[in-house]
């Protein structure tokens, strides 16, 4: 297995998933020029990361697709509940929510903070999405008692929002992100991604 990676990009989600699985993988860090080259465009038509090559030669792009496929290929890692269970449906729901709803409001809010711009509009756009997540956090993880791919995705997206101080330290989402970042697999992923 090989992950085509750029540090601090969406490929870090896949790196974390790989570390949760615990199977050997190769990591190839791409330069800007390599990402735009023909070889990488065969992996990802837009020249982006992540792109992932499985042992059978299958290549996937899009972080959610890769993470879900890895969870299916390695079910013993427990990153998805059993097929057909209500818990699995919730894991799918929150995985899609992460990129369809959360990412599109968290990333702009992060950018406005970094640029020192007025955050009123960005914070207002984030508010209902944040409330939906808080309401769902009835256990330690977004889909219930067990950690899933959905948690990898949501924590990865919220990480900078917390680091930038956009969420109060007492906010349940801050505690949730800290739980995710404390996982040994996530810490190994940070180390592997920084060394690549």
C-alpha atoms as a PDB file:
ATOM      1  CA  UNK A   1       0.000   0.000   0.000  1.00  0.00           C
ATOM      2  CA  UNK A   2       1.220   3.470  -0.802  1.00  0.00           C
ATOM      3  CA  UNK A   3      -0.106   6.889   0.204  1.00  0.00           C
ATOM      4  CA  UNK A   4       0.773   9.857  -1.984  1.00  0.00           C
ATOM      5  CA  UNK A   5       0.998  12.657   0.537  1.00  0.00           C
ATOM      6  CA  UNK A   6       1.608  16.345   1.190  1.00  0.00           C
ATOM      7  CA  UNK A   7       2.146  17.387   4.835  1.00  0.00           C
ATOM      8  CA  UNK A   8      -0.750  19.280   6.502  1.00  0.00           C
ATOM      9  CA  UNK A   9      -3.083  18.387   3.615  1.00  0.00           C
ATOM     10  CA  UNK A  10      -6.162  16.164   3.534  1.00  0.00           C
ATOM     11  CA  UNK A  11      -3.828  13.199   3.076  1.00  0.00           C
ATOM     12  CA  UNK A  12      -3.061  13.370   6.815  1.00  0.00           C
ATOM     13  CA  UNK A  13      -6.510  11.821   7.404  1.00  0.00           C
ATOM     14  CA  UNK A  14      -5.489   8.772   5.429  1.00  0.00           C
ATOM     15  CA  UNK A  15      -2.152   8.614   7.231  1.00  0.00           C
ATOM     16  CA  UNK A  16      -3.981   8.548  10.569  1.00  0.00           C
ATOM     17  CA  UNK A  17      -6.315   5.806   9.305  1.00  0.00           C
ATOM     18  CA  UNK A  18      -3.307   3.757   8.196  1.00  0.00           C
ATOM     19  CA  UNK A  19      -1.742   4.084  11.627  1.00  0.00           C
ATOM     20  CA  UNK A  20      -5.009   2.989  13.261  1.00  0.00           C
ATOM     21  CA  UNK A  21      -5.003  -0.098  11.034  1.00  0.00           C
ATOM     22  CA  UNK A  22      -1.403  -0.946  11.851  1.00  0.00           C
ATOM     23  CA  UNK A  23      -0.497  -2.634   8.556  1.00  0.00           C
ATOM     24  CA  UNK A  24       2.723  -1.780   6.666  1.00  0.00           C
ATOM     25  CA  UNK A  25       2.446   1.007   4.104  1.00  0.00           C
ATOM     26  CA  UNK A  26       4.713   3.227   2.047  1.00  0.00           C
ATOM     27  CA  UNK A  27       4.539   7.013   2.134  1.00  0.00           C
ATOM     28  CA  UNK A  28       5.495   9.123  -0.867  1.00  0.00           C
ATOM     29  CA  UNK A  29       5.604  12.868  -0.283  1.00  0.00           C
ATOM     30  CA  UNK A  30       5.004  14.800  -3.474  1.00  0.00           C
ATOM     31  CA  UNK A  31       6.373  18.183  -4.472  1.00  0.00           C
ATOM     32  CA  UNK A  32       4.182  20.752  -6.227  1.00  0.00           C
ATOM     33  CA  UNK A  33       5.801  19.827  -9.553  1.00  0.00           C
ATOM     34  CA  UNK A  34       5.244  16.107  -9.000  1.00  0.00           C
ATOM     35  CA  UNK A  35       1.591  16.691  -8.133  1.00  0.00           C
ATOM     36  CA  UNK A  36       1.015  18.492 -11.415  1.00  0.00           C
ATOM     37  CA  UNK A  37       2.905  15.913 -13.498  1.00  0.00           C
ATOM     38  CA  UNK A  38       1.301  13.338 -15.757  1.00  0.00           C
ATOM     39  CA  UNK A  39       2.285  10.404 -13.539  1.00  0.00           C
ATOM     40  CA  UNK A  40       0.374  11.776 -10.552  1.00  0.00           C
ATOM     41  CA  UNK A  41      -2.547  12.951 -12.703  1.00  0.00           C
ATOM     42  CA  UNK A  42      -3.086   9.290 -13.581  1.00  0.00           C
ATOM     43  CA  UNK A  43      -3.637   8.742  -9.860  1.00  0.00           C
ATOM     44  CA  UNK A  44      -5.686  11.901  -9.270  1.00  0.00           C
ATOM     45  CA  UNK A  45      -7.116  13.746 -12.288  1.00  0.00           C
ATOM     46  CA  UNK A  46      -6.811  17.116 -10.538  1.00  0.00           C
ATOM     47  CA  UNK A  47      -3.245  16.565  -9.354  1.00  0.00           C
ATOM     48  CA  UNK A  48      -4.262  16.691  -5.688  1.00  0.00           C
ATOM     49  CA  UNK A  49      -3.635  14.527  -2.643  1.00  0.00           C
ATOM     50  CA  UNK A  50      -4.428  12.129  -1.231  1.00  0.00           C
ATOM     51  CA  UNK A  51      -4.115   9.410  -3.777  1.00  0.00           C
ATOM     52  CA  UNK A  52      -3.725   5.864  -2.588  1.00  0.00           C
ATOM     53  CA  UNK A  53      -2.529   2.683  -4.244  1.00  0.00           C
ATOM     54  CA  UNK A  54      -3.705  -0.585  -2.718  1.00  0.00           C
ATOM     55  CA  UNK A  55      -1.691  -3.807  -2.860  1.00  0.00           C
ATOM     56  CA  UNK A  56      -3.865  -5.082  -5.711  1.00  0.00           C
ATOM     57  CA  UNK A  57      -3.016  -2.016  -7.825  1.00  0.00           C
ATOM     58  CA  UNK A  58      -6.352  -0.255  -7.281  1.00  0.00           C
ATOM     59  CA  UNK A  59      -5.894   3.511  -6.997  1.00  0.00           C
ATOM     60  CA  UNK A  60      -8.371   5.737  -5.177  1.00  0.00           C
ATOM     61  CA  UNK A  61      -8.480   9.448  -4.516  1.00  0.00           C
ATOM     62  CA  UNK A  62     -10.630  11.513  -2.111  1.00  0.00           C
ATOM     63  CA  UNK A  63      -9.827  11.099   1.568  1.00  0.00           C
ATOM     64  CA  UNK A  64     -13.253   9.849   2.670  1.00  0.00           C
ATOM     65  CA  UNK A  65     -13.353   7.154  -0.015  1.00  0.00           C
ATOM     66  CA  UNK A  66      -9.847   5.978   0.861  1.00  0.00           C
ATOM     67  CA  UNK A  67     -10.501   5.911   4.610  1.00  0.00           C
ATOM     68  CA  UNK A  68     -13.785   4.012   4.211  1.00  0.00           C
ATOM     69  CA  UNK A  69     -12.201   1.520   1.821  1.00  0.00           C
ATOM     70  CA  UNK A  70      -9.283   0.940   4.195  1.00  0.00           C
ATOM     71  CA  UNK A  71     -11.742   0.329   7.044  1.00  0.00           C
ATOM     72  CA  UNK A  72     -13.546  -2.234   4.863  1.00  0.00           C
ATOM     73  CA  UNK A  73     -10.359  -3.956   3.701  1.00  0.00           C
ATOM     74  CA  UNK A  74      -9.064  -4.177   7.295  1.00  0.00           C
ATOM     75  CA  UNK A  75     -12.172  -4.844   9.399  1.00  0.00           C
ATOM     76  CA  UNK A  76     -10.144  -6.109  12.378  1.00  0.00           C
ATOM     77  CA  UNK A  77      -9.050  -2.512  13.010  1.00  0.00           C
ATOM     78  CA  UNK A  78     -12.650  -1.791  14.076  1.00  0.00           C
ATOM     79  CA  UNK A  79     -12.878   1.545  12.269  1.00  0.00           C
ATOM     80  CA  UNK A  80     -16.395   0.777  11.039  1.00  0.00           C
ATOM     81  CA  UNK A  81     -19.189  -1.032  12.882  1.00  0.00           C
ATOM     82  CA  UNK A  82     -20.740  -4.169  11.343  1.00  0.00           C
ATOM     83  CA  UNK A  83     -22.335  -3.896   7.903  1.00  0.00           C
ATOM     84  CA  UNK A  84     -26.026  -3.065   8.134  1.00  0.00           C
ATOM     85  CA  UNK A  85     -25.905  -1.930  11.762  1.00  0.00           C
ATOM     86  CA  UNK A  86     -27.362   1.419  12.863  1.00  0.00           C
ATOM     87  CA  UNK A  87     -23.899   2.327  14.154  1.00  0.00           C
ATOM     88  CA  UNK A  88     -22.398   1.838  10.705  1.00  0.00           C
ATOM     89  CA  UNK A  89     -25.061   4.069   9.210  1.00  0.00           C
ATOM     90  CA  UNK A  90     -24.141   6.780  11.714  1.00  0.00           C
ATOM     91  CA  UNK A  91     -20.443   6.365  10.897  1.00  0.00           C
ATOM     92  CA  UNK A  92     -21.270   6.851   7.191  1.00  0.00           C
ATOM     93  CA  UNK A  93     -23.515   9.812   8.007  1.00  0.00           C
ATOM     94  CA  UNK A  94     -20.849  11.657  10.008  1.00  0.00           C
ATOM     95  CA  UNK A  95     -18.123  10.794   7.500  1.00  0.00           C
ATOM     96  CA  UNK A  96     -20.115  12.457   4.740  1.00  0.00           C
ATOM     97  CA  UNK A  97     -21.126  15.328   7.052  1.00  0.00           C
ATOM     98  CA  UNK A  98     -17.438  15.976   7.749  1.00  0.00           C
ATOM     99  CA  UNK A  99     -16.680  16.915   4.155  1.00  0.00           C
ATOM    100  CA  UNK A 100     -20.119  18.046   2.964  1.00  0.00           C
ATOM    101  CA  UNK A 101     -20.937  20.353   5.883  1.00  0.00           C
ATOM    102  CA  UNK A 102     -18.104  20.781   8.396  1.00  0.00           C
ATOM    103  CA  UNK A 103     -15.149  21.321   6.089  1.00  0.00           C
ATOM    104  CA  UNK A 104     -16.890  24.041   4.079  1.00  0.00           C
ATOM    105  CA  UNK A 105     -17.464  26.163   7.204  1.00  0.00           C
ATOM    106  CA  UNK A 106     -14.424  25.286   9.343  1.00  0.00           C
ATOM    107  CA  UNK A 107     -11.777  25.973   6.698  1.00  0.00           C
ATOM    108  CA  UNK A 108     -13.060  29.483   5.819  1.00  0.00           C
ATOM    109  CA  UNK A 109     -13.255  30.355   9.532  1.00  0.00           C
ATOM    110  CA  UNK A 110      -9.665  29.158   9.996  1.00  0.00           C
ATOM    111  CA  UNK A 111      -8.560  31.302   7.019  1.00  0.00           C
ATOM    112  CA  UNK A 112     -10.235  34.452   8.342  1.00  0.00           C
ATOM    113  CA  UNK A 113      -8.473  33.998  11.700  1.00  0.00           C
ATOM    114  CA  UNK A 114      -5.085  33.479  10.032  1.00  0.00           C
ATOM    115  CA  UNK A 115      -5.574  36.593   7.887  1.00  0.00           C
ATOM    116  CA  UNK A 116      -6.801  38.675  10.822  1.00  0.00           C
ATOM    117  CA  UNK A 117     -10.066  39.448   9.023  1.00  0.00           C
ATOM    118  CA  UNK A 118     -13.545  39.956  10.460  1.00  0.00           C
ATOM    119  CA  UNK A 119     -14.775  36.528  11.601  1.00  0.00           C
ATOM    120  CA  UNK A 120     -18.442  37.383  12.167  1.00  0.00           C
ATOM    121  CA  UNK A 121     -19.781  35.782   8.995  1.00  0.00           C
ATOM    122  CA  UNK A 122     -17.501  32.727   9.185  1.00  0.00           C
ATOM    123  CA  UNK A 123     -18.372  32.124  12.849  1.00  0.00           C
ATOM    124  CA  UNK A 124     -22.096  32.411  12.066  1.00  0.00           C
ATOM    125  CA  UNK A 125     -21.759  29.869   9.240  1.00  0.00           C
ATOM    126  CA  UNK A 126     -19.962  27.461  11.574  1.00  0.00           C
ATOM    127  CA  UNK A 127     -22.473  27.826  14.434  1.00  0.00           C
ATOM    128  CA  UNK A 128     -25.258  25.434  13.276  1.00  0.00           C
ATOM    129  CA  UNK A 129     -22.750  22.831  12.123  1.00  0.00           C
ATOM    130  CA  UNK A 130     -20.963  23.006  15.456  1.00  0.00           C
ATOM    131  CA  UNK A 131     -24.273  22.650  17.281  1.00  0.00           C
ATOM    132  CA  UNK A 132     -25.141  19.558  15.251  1.00  0.00           C
ATOM    133  CA  UNK A 133     -21.832  17.971  16.232  1.00  0.00           C
ATOM    134  CA  UNK A 134     -22.213  18.877  19.905  1.00  0.00           C
ATOM    135  CA  UNK A 135     -25.719  17.390  19.982  1.00  0.00           C
ATOM    136  CA  UNK A 136     -24.412  14.156  18.456  1.00  0.00           C
ATOM    137  CA  UNK A 137     -21.577  13.768  20.961  1.00  0.00           C
ATOM    138  CA  UNK A 138     -23.551  11.744  23.482  1.00  0.00           C
ATOM    139  CA  UNK A 139     -20.601   9.379  23.965  1.00  0.00           C
ATOM    140  CA  UNK A 140     -16.864   9.790  23.569  1.00  0.00           C
ATOM    141  CA  UNK A 141     -17.034   9.543  19.770  1.00  0.00           C
ATOM    142  CA  UNK A 142     -19.329  10.939  17.102  1.00  0.00           C
ATOM    143  CA  UNK A 143     -21.061   7.664  16.188  1.00  0.00           C
ATOM    144  CA  UNK A 144     -21.253   6.359  19.761  1.00  0.00           C
ATOM    145  CA  UNK A 145     -18.923   4.554  22.126  1.00  0.00           C
ATOM    146  CA  UNK A 146     -16.465   3.309  19.508  1.00  0.00           C
ATOM    147  CA  UNK A 147     -13.910   5.300  17.539  1.00  0.00           C
ATOM    148  CA  UNK A 148     -14.559   5.190  13.768  1.00  0.00           C
ATOM    149  CA  UNK A 149     -13.392   6.645  10.476  1.00  0.00           C
ATOM    150  CA  UNK A 150     -15.895   9.453  11.061  1.00  0.00           C
ATOM    151  CA  UNK A 151     -13.860  10.560  14.074  1.00  0.00           C
ATOM    152  CA  UNK A 152     -10.656  10.578  12.025  1.00  0.00           C
ATOM    153  CA  UNK A 153     -12.318  12.879   9.499  1.00  0.00           C
ATOM    154  CA  UNK A 154     -14.038  15.252  11.919  1.00  0.00           C
ATOM    155  CA  UNK A 155     -11.090  15.607  14.298  1.00  0.00           C
ATOM    156  CA  UNK A 156      -8.762  16.183  11.345  1.00  0.00           C
ATOM    157  CA  UNK A 157     -10.983  19.014  10.126  1.00  0.00           C
ATOM    158  CA  UNK A 158     -11.524  20.599  13.553  1.00  0.00           C
ATOM    159  CA  UNK A 159      -7.892  20.345  14.619  1.00  0.00           C
ATOM    160  CA  UNK A 160      -6.860  23.746  13.233  1.00  0.00           C
ATOM    161  CA  UNK A 161     -10.093  25.341  14.461  1.00  0.00           C
ATOM    162  CA  UNK A 162      -9.120  24.319  17.991  1.00  0.00           C
ATOM    163  CA  UNK A 163      -5.419  25.175  17.526  1.00  0.00           C
ATOM    164  CA  UNK A 164      -6.333  28.666  16.308  1.00  0.00           C
ATOM    165  CA  UNK A 165      -8.427  29.274  19.437  1.00  0.00           C
ATOM    166  CA  UNK A 166     -11.716  29.540  17.572  1.00  0.00           C
ATOM    167  CA  UNK A 167     -13.408  27.124  19.960  1.00  0.00           C
ATOM    168  CA  UNK A 168     -13.432  27.732  23.691  1.00  0.00           C
ATOM    169  CA  UNK A 169     -11.318  25.199  25.632  1.00  0.00           C
ATOM    170  CA  UNK A 170     -14.482  24.306  27.599  1.00  0.00           C
ATOM    171  CA  UNK A 171     -16.392  23.535  24.374  1.00  0.00           C
ATOM    172  CA  UNK A 172     -17.225  19.803  24.126  1.00  0.00           C
ATOM    173  CA  UNK A 173     -15.811  19.892  20.580  1.00  0.00           C
ATOM    174  CA  UNK A 174     -12.431  20.988  21.948  1.00  0.00           C
ATOM    175  CA  UNK A 175     -12.398  18.038  24.360  1.00  0.00           C
ATOM    176  CA  UNK A 176     -13.446  15.717  21.516  1.00  0.00           C
ATOM    177  CA  UNK A 177     -10.600  16.947  19.316  1.00  0.00           C
ATOM    178  CA  UNK A 178      -8.131  16.522  22.185  1.00  0.00           C
ATOM    179  CA  UNK A 179      -9.310  12.916  22.706  1.00  0.00           C
ATOM    180  CA  UNK A 180      -8.726  12.207  19.045  1.00  0.00           C
ATOM    181  CA  UNK A 181      -5.306  13.867  18.952  1.00  0.00           C
ATOM    182  CA  UNK A 182      -4.245  11.893  22.038  1.00  0.00           C
ATOM    183  CA  UNK A 183      -4.684   8.568  20.261  1.00  0.00           C
ATOM    184  CA  UNK A 184      -1.314   6.846  19.762  1.00  0.00           C
ATOM    185  CA  UNK A 185      -2.093   6.174  16.090  1.00  0.00           C
ATOM    186  CA  UNK A 186      -2.722   9.869  15.490  1.00  0.00           C
ATOM    187  CA  UNK A 187       0.557  10.787  17.176  1.00  0.00           C
ATOM    188  CA  UNK A 188       2.400   8.227  15.038  1.00  0.00           C
ATOM    189  CA  UNK A 189       0.732   9.707  11.945  1.00  0.00           C
ATOM    190  CA  UNK A 190       1.937  13.195  12.903  1.00  0.00           C
ATOM    191  CA  UNK A 191       5.476  11.888  13.300  1.00  0.00           C
ATOM    192  CA  UNK A 192       5.379   9.946  10.026  1.00  0.00           C
ATOM    193  CA  UNK A 193       3.897  12.874   8.105  1.00  0.00           C
ATOM    194  CA  UNK A 194       6.440  15.350   9.445  1.00  0.00           C
ATOM    195  CA  UNK A 195       9.359  13.032   8.651  1.00  0.00           C
ATOM    196  CA  UNK A 196       8.240  12.372   5.078  1.00  0.00           C
END
